[in-house]
Amino acid sequence: MLLLPLHKIQYTRLQEPKNSDYIQHTGTQMSGFKRISPADAKVILEQGNAKVADIRDVMSFQAGHIRDAIRVDNDNLPEFMAAASKELPLLVCCYHGNSSQGAAQFFSEQGFSDVYSIDGGYEMWKMVAPDWCNR
């Protein structure tokens, strides 16, 4: 599980019919991530070049994960950050879609330009896209 510093974040909802986009206001600078449904996340993955960062614990990841996902935790975070392209879409997955929001915000703050938090997490993903699950 990825442990990131918690921030008090105020979000403003943008007008976006497909995804629930959220941004953080930090003075004049704005950074953010997008919340995305598992169905819309699957579309992005089918287009290719997107990465999935799974922040769940080892046992949960081994029990099942999104195809080609990389399990990211505090131990391998520096390697992941160094190897991942910050321009390609990054989908962040957790258990139920809550912790992934904090991680998505963190990745956004680290310079990843197209970051998504998967709503419902892996629990929802495996119901919507079982053909994209490794077990």
C-alpha atoms as a PDB file:
ATOM      1  CA  MET A   1       0.000   0.000   0.000  1.00  0.00           C
ATOM      2  CA  LEU A   2       1.346   3.404  -0.948  1.00  0.00           C
ATOM      3  CA  LEU A   3       1.614   5.725   2.022  1.00  0.00           C
ATOM      4  CA  LEU A   4       1.573   9.336   0.975  1.00  0.00           C
ATOM      5  CA  PRO A   5       1.390  12.522   2.990  1.00  0.00           C
ATOM      6  CA  LEU A   6      -2.194  13.548   3.544  1.00  0.00           C
ATOM      7  CA  HIS A   7      -3.192  17.038   2.527  1.00  0.00           C
ATOM      8  CA  LYS A   8      -6.293  19.040   3.157  1.00  0.00           C
ATOM      9  CA  ILE A   9      -7.486  19.443  -0.392  1.00  0.00           C
ATOM     10  CA  GLN A  10     -10.360  21.558  -1.615  1.00  0.00           C
ATOM     11  CA  TYR A  11     -11.721  20.321  -4.918  1.00  0.00           C
ATOM     12  CA  THR A  12     -13.808  22.132  -7.468  1.00  0.00           C
ATOM     13  CA  ARG A  13     -15.846  20.082  -9.883  1.00  0.00           C
ATOM     14  CA  LEU A  14     -15.338  20.881 -13.564  1.00  0.00           C
ATOM     15  CA  GLN A  15     -17.996  20.482 -16.209  1.00  0.00           C
ATOM     16  CA  GLU A  16     -17.082  17.191 -17.868  1.00  0.00           C
ATOM     17  CA  PRO A  17     -19.836  14.768 -18.850  1.00  0.00           C
ATOM     18  CA  LYS A  18     -17.720  11.606 -19.142  1.00  0.00           C
ATOM     19  CA  ASN A  19     -15.366  11.782 -16.144  1.00  0.00           C
ATOM     20  CA  SER A  20     -15.586  13.493 -12.790  1.00  0.00           C
ATOM     21  CA  ASP A  21     -12.696  15.939 -13.052  1.00  0.00           C
ATOM     22  CA  TYR A  22     -11.307  17.500  -9.933  1.00  0.00           C
ATOM     23  CA  ILE A  23      -8.590  20.072  -9.497  1.00  0.00           C
ATOM     24  CA  GLN A  24      -6.751  21.386  -6.483  1.00  0.00           C
ATOM     25  CA  HIS A  25      -6.445  25.123  -6.084  1.00  0.00           C
ATOM     26  CA  THR A  26      -2.987  26.100  -4.871  1.00  0.00           C
ATOM     27  CA  GLY A  27      -2.838  29.876  -5.179  1.00  0.00           C
ATOM     28  CA  THR A  28      -2.417  30.724  -8.845  1.00  0.00           C
ATOM     29  CA  GLN A  29      -1.050  27.304  -9.762  1.00  0.00           C
ATOM     30  CA  MET A  30      -3.499  24.492 -10.405  1.00  0.00           C
ATOM     31  CA  SER A  31      -2.673  20.792 -10.415  1.00  0.00           C
ATOM     32  CA  GLY A  32      -4.974  17.853 -10.453  1.00  0.00           C
ATOM     33  CA  PHE A  33      -6.157  14.453 -11.474  1.00  0.00           C
ATOM     34  CA  LYS A  34      -9.329  13.060 -12.952  1.00  0.00           C
ATOM     35  CA  ARG A  35     -11.680  10.530 -11.430  1.00  0.00           C
ATOM     36  CA  ILE A  36     -12.698   7.946 -13.991  1.00  0.00           C
ATOM     37  CA  SER A  37     -15.146   5.071 -14.149  1.00  0.00           C
ATOM     38  CA  PRO A  38     -13.755   1.576 -14.718  1.00  0.00           C
ATOM     39  CA  ALA A  39     -15.507   1.458 -18.124  1.00  0.00           C
ATOM     40  CA  ASP A  40     -13.832   4.700 -19.252  1.00  0.00           C
ATOM     41  CA  ALA A  41     -10.490   3.531 -17.801  1.00  0.00           C
ATOM     42  CA  LYS A  42     -10.778   0.353 -19.863  1.00  0.00           C
ATOM     43  CA  VAL A  43     -11.208   2.466 -23.018  1.00  0.00           C
ATOM     44  CA  ILE A  44      -7.975   4.321 -22.214  1.00  0.00           C
ATOM     45  CA  LEU A  45      -6.135   1.035 -21.625  1.00  0.00           C
ATOM     46  CA  GLU A  46      -7.434  -0.401 -24.892  1.00  0.00           C
ATOM     47  CA  GLN A  47      -5.924   2.593 -26.713  1.00  0.00           C
ATOM     48  CA  GLY A  48      -2.489   1.501 -25.458  1.00  0.00           C
ATOM     49  CA  ASN A  49       0.421   3.335 -23.820  1.00  0.00           C
ATOM     50  CA  ALA A  50      -1.342   3.929 -20.477  1.00  0.00           C
ATOM     51  CA  LYS A  51       0.170   2.628 -17.238  1.00  0.00           C
ATOM     52  CA  VAL A  52      -1.678   1.334 -14.188  1.00  0.00           C
ATOM     53  CA  ALA A  53      -0.236   1.937 -10.726  1.00  0.00           C
ATOM     54  CA  ASP A  54      -1.859  -0.419  -8.205  1.00  0.00           C
ATOM     55  CA  ILE A  55      -1.297   0.799  -4.646  1.00  0.00           C
ATOM     56  CA  ARG A  56      -2.853  -2.158  -2.833  1.00  0.00           C
ATOM     57  CA  ASP A  57      -0.870  -4.540  -0.614  1.00  0.00           C
ATOM     58  CA  VAL A  58       1.115  -7.473  -2.027  1.00  0.00           C
ATOM     59  CA  MET A  59      -1.426 -10.161  -1.108  1.00  0.00           C
ATOM     60  CA  SER A  60      -4.326  -8.284  -2.697  1.00  0.00           C
ATOM     61  CA  PHE A  61      -2.295  -7.596  -5.831  1.00  0.00           C
ATOM     62  CA  GLN A  62      -1.272 -11.263  -6.115  1.00  0.00           C
ATOM     63  CA  ALA A  63      -4.902 -12.344  -5.673  1.00  0.00           C
ATOM     64  CA  GLY A  64      -5.875 -10.264  -8.715  1.00  0.00           C
ATOM     65  CA  HIS A  65      -5.016  -7.056 -10.509  1.00  0.00           C
ATOM     66  CA  ILE A  66      -5.608  -5.120 -13.703  1.00  0.00           C
ATOM     67  CA  ARG A  67      -3.667  -6.627 -16.589  1.00  0.00           C
ATOM     68  CA  ASP A  68      -0.124  -5.168 -16.836  1.00  0.00           C
ATOM     69  CA  ALA A  69      -0.574  -3.147 -13.625  1.00  0.00           C
ATOM     70  CA  ILE A  70       2.520  -2.291 -11.616  1.00  0.00           C
ATOM     71  CA  ARG A  71       2.215  -2.565  -7.852  1.00  0.00           C
ATOM     72  CA  VAL A  72       3.594   0.625  -6.366  1.00  0.00           C
ATOM     73  CA  ASP A  73       4.510   1.132  -2.720  1.00  0.00           C
ATOM     74  CA  ASN A  74       6.998   3.201  -0.766  1.00  0.00           C
ATOM     75  CA  ASP A  75       9.764   0.680  -1.482  1.00  0.00           C
ATOM     76  CA  ASN A  76       9.594   0.866  -5.283  1.00  0.00           C
ATOM     77  CA  LEU A  77       8.200   4.377  -5.687  1.00  0.00           C
ATOM     78  CA  PRO A  78      11.547   5.958  -6.700  1.00  0.00           C
ATOM     79  CA  GLU A  79      12.095   3.308  -9.395  1.00  0.00           C
ATOM     80  CA  PHE A  80       8.541   3.669 -10.654  1.00  0.00           C
ATOM     81  CA  MET A  81       8.856   7.456 -10.822  1.00  0.00           C
ATOM     82  CA  ALA A  82      12.153   7.218 -12.709  1.00  0.00           C
ATOM     83  CA  ALA A  83      10.898   4.652 -15.223  1.00  0.00           C
ATOM     84  CA  ALA A  84       7.378   5.914 -15.941  1.00  0.00           C
ATOM     85  CA  SER A  85       6.672   8.437 -18.669  1.00  0.00           C
ATOM     86  CA  LYS A  86       5.070  11.512 -17.156  1.00  0.00           C
ATOM     87  CA  GLU A  87       3.333  12.345 -20.443  1.00  0.00           C
ATOM     88  CA  LEU A  88       1.413   9.076 -20.838  1.00  0.00           C
ATOM     89  CA  PRO A  89      -1.883   8.418 -19.033  1.00  0.00           C
ATOM     90  CA  LEU A  90      -1.444   7.002 -15.523  1.00  0.00           C
ATOM     91  CA  LEU A  91      -4.382   5.146 -13.989  1.00  0.00           C
ATOM     92  CA  VAL A  92      -4.199   4.685 -10.217  1.00  0.00           C
ATOM     93  CA  CYS A  93      -6.022   1.774  -8.631  1.00  0.00           C
ATOM     94  CA  CYS A  94      -6.658   0.896  -4.991  1.00  0.00           C
ATOM     95  CA  TYR A  95      -9.248  -1.256  -3.217  1.00  0.00           C
ATOM     96  CA  HIS A  96     -12.401   0.871  -3.548  1.00  0.00           C
ATOM     97  CA  GLY A  97     -11.324   4.127  -5.219  1.00  0.00           C
ATOM     98  CA  ASN A  98     -10.604   6.175  -2.111  1.00  0.00           C
ATOM     99  CA  SER A  99      -6.858   5.856  -1.465  1.00  0.00           C
ATOM    100  CA  SER A 100      -6.171   6.127  -5.183  1.00  0.00           C
ATOM    101  CA  GLN A 101      -7.371   9.738  -5.122  1.00  0.00           C
ATOM    102  CA  GLY A 102      -4.604  10.765  -2.725  1.00  0.00           C
ATOM    103  CA  ALA A 103      -2.047   8.807  -4.733  1.00  0.00           C
ATOM    104  CA  ALA A 104      -3.324  10.326  -8.001  1.00  0.00           C
ATOM    105  CA  GLN A 105      -2.953  13.797  -6.508  1.00  0.00           C
ATOM    106  CA  PHE A 106       0.587  12.917  -5.424  1.00  0.00           C
ATOM    107  CA  PHE A 107       1.538  11.716  -8.921  1.00  0.00           C
ATOM    108  CA  SER A 108       0.021  14.840 -10.412  1.00  0.00           C
ATOM    109  CA  GLU A 109       2.103  16.985  -8.051  1.00  0.00           C
ATOM    110  CA  GLN A 110       5.202  15.044  -9.167  1.00  0.00           C
ATOM    111  CA  GLY A 111       4.683  16.144 -12.765  1.00  0.00           C
ATOM    112  CA  PHE A 112       2.526  13.397 -14.269  1.00  0.00           C
ATOM    113  CA  SER A 113       0.298  15.269 -16.676  1.00  0.00           C
ATOM    114  CA  ASP A 114      -2.577  12.829 -17.305  1.00  0.00           C
ATOM    115  CA  VAL A 115      -3.500  11.099 -14.035  1.00  0.00           C
ATOM    116  CA  TYR A 116      -6.715   9.228 -13.272  1.00  0.00           C
ATOM    117  CA  SER A 117      -8.105   7.675 -10.086  1.00  0.00           C
ATOM    118  CA  ILE A 118     -10.308   4.674 -10.879  1.00  0.00           C
ATOM    119  CA  ASP A 119     -13.667   5.047  -9.124  1.00  0.00           C
ATOM    120  CA  GLY A 120     -14.644   1.917  -7.201  1.00  0.00           C
ATOM    121  CA  GLY A 121     -11.069   0.615  -7.289  1.00  0.00           C
ATOM    122  CA  TYR A 122     -10.223  -2.970  -8.145  1.00  0.00           C
ATOM    123  CA  GLU A 123     -13.426  -4.220  -6.525  1.00  0.00           C
ATOM    124  CA  MET A 124     -15.489  -2.376  -9.140  1.00  0.00           C
ATOM    125  CA  TRP A 125     -12.960  -3.009 -11.924  1.00  0.00           C
ATOM    126  CA  LYS A 126     -13.205  -6.800 -11.656  1.00  0.00           C
ATOM    127  CA  MET A 127     -16.997  -6.604 -12.072  1.00  0.00           C
ATOM    128  CA  VAL A 128     -16.866  -4.217 -15.055  1.00  0.00           C
ATOM    129  CA  ALA A 129     -13.810  -5.587 -16.872  1.00  0.00           C
ATOM    130  CA  PRO A 130     -13.133  -9.197 -15.776  1.00  0.00           C
ATOM    131  CA  ASP A 131     -11.392  -9.839 -19.094  1.00  0.00           C
ATOM    132  CA  TRP A 132      -8.744  -7.283 -18.031  1.00  0.00           C
ATOM    133  CA  CYS A 133      -7.952  -9.025 -14.718  1.00  0.00           C
ATOM    134  CA  ASN A 134      -4.938 -11.200 -13.935  1.00  0.00           C
ATOM    135  CA  ARG A 135      -5.601 -13.728 -11.191  1.00  0.00           C
END
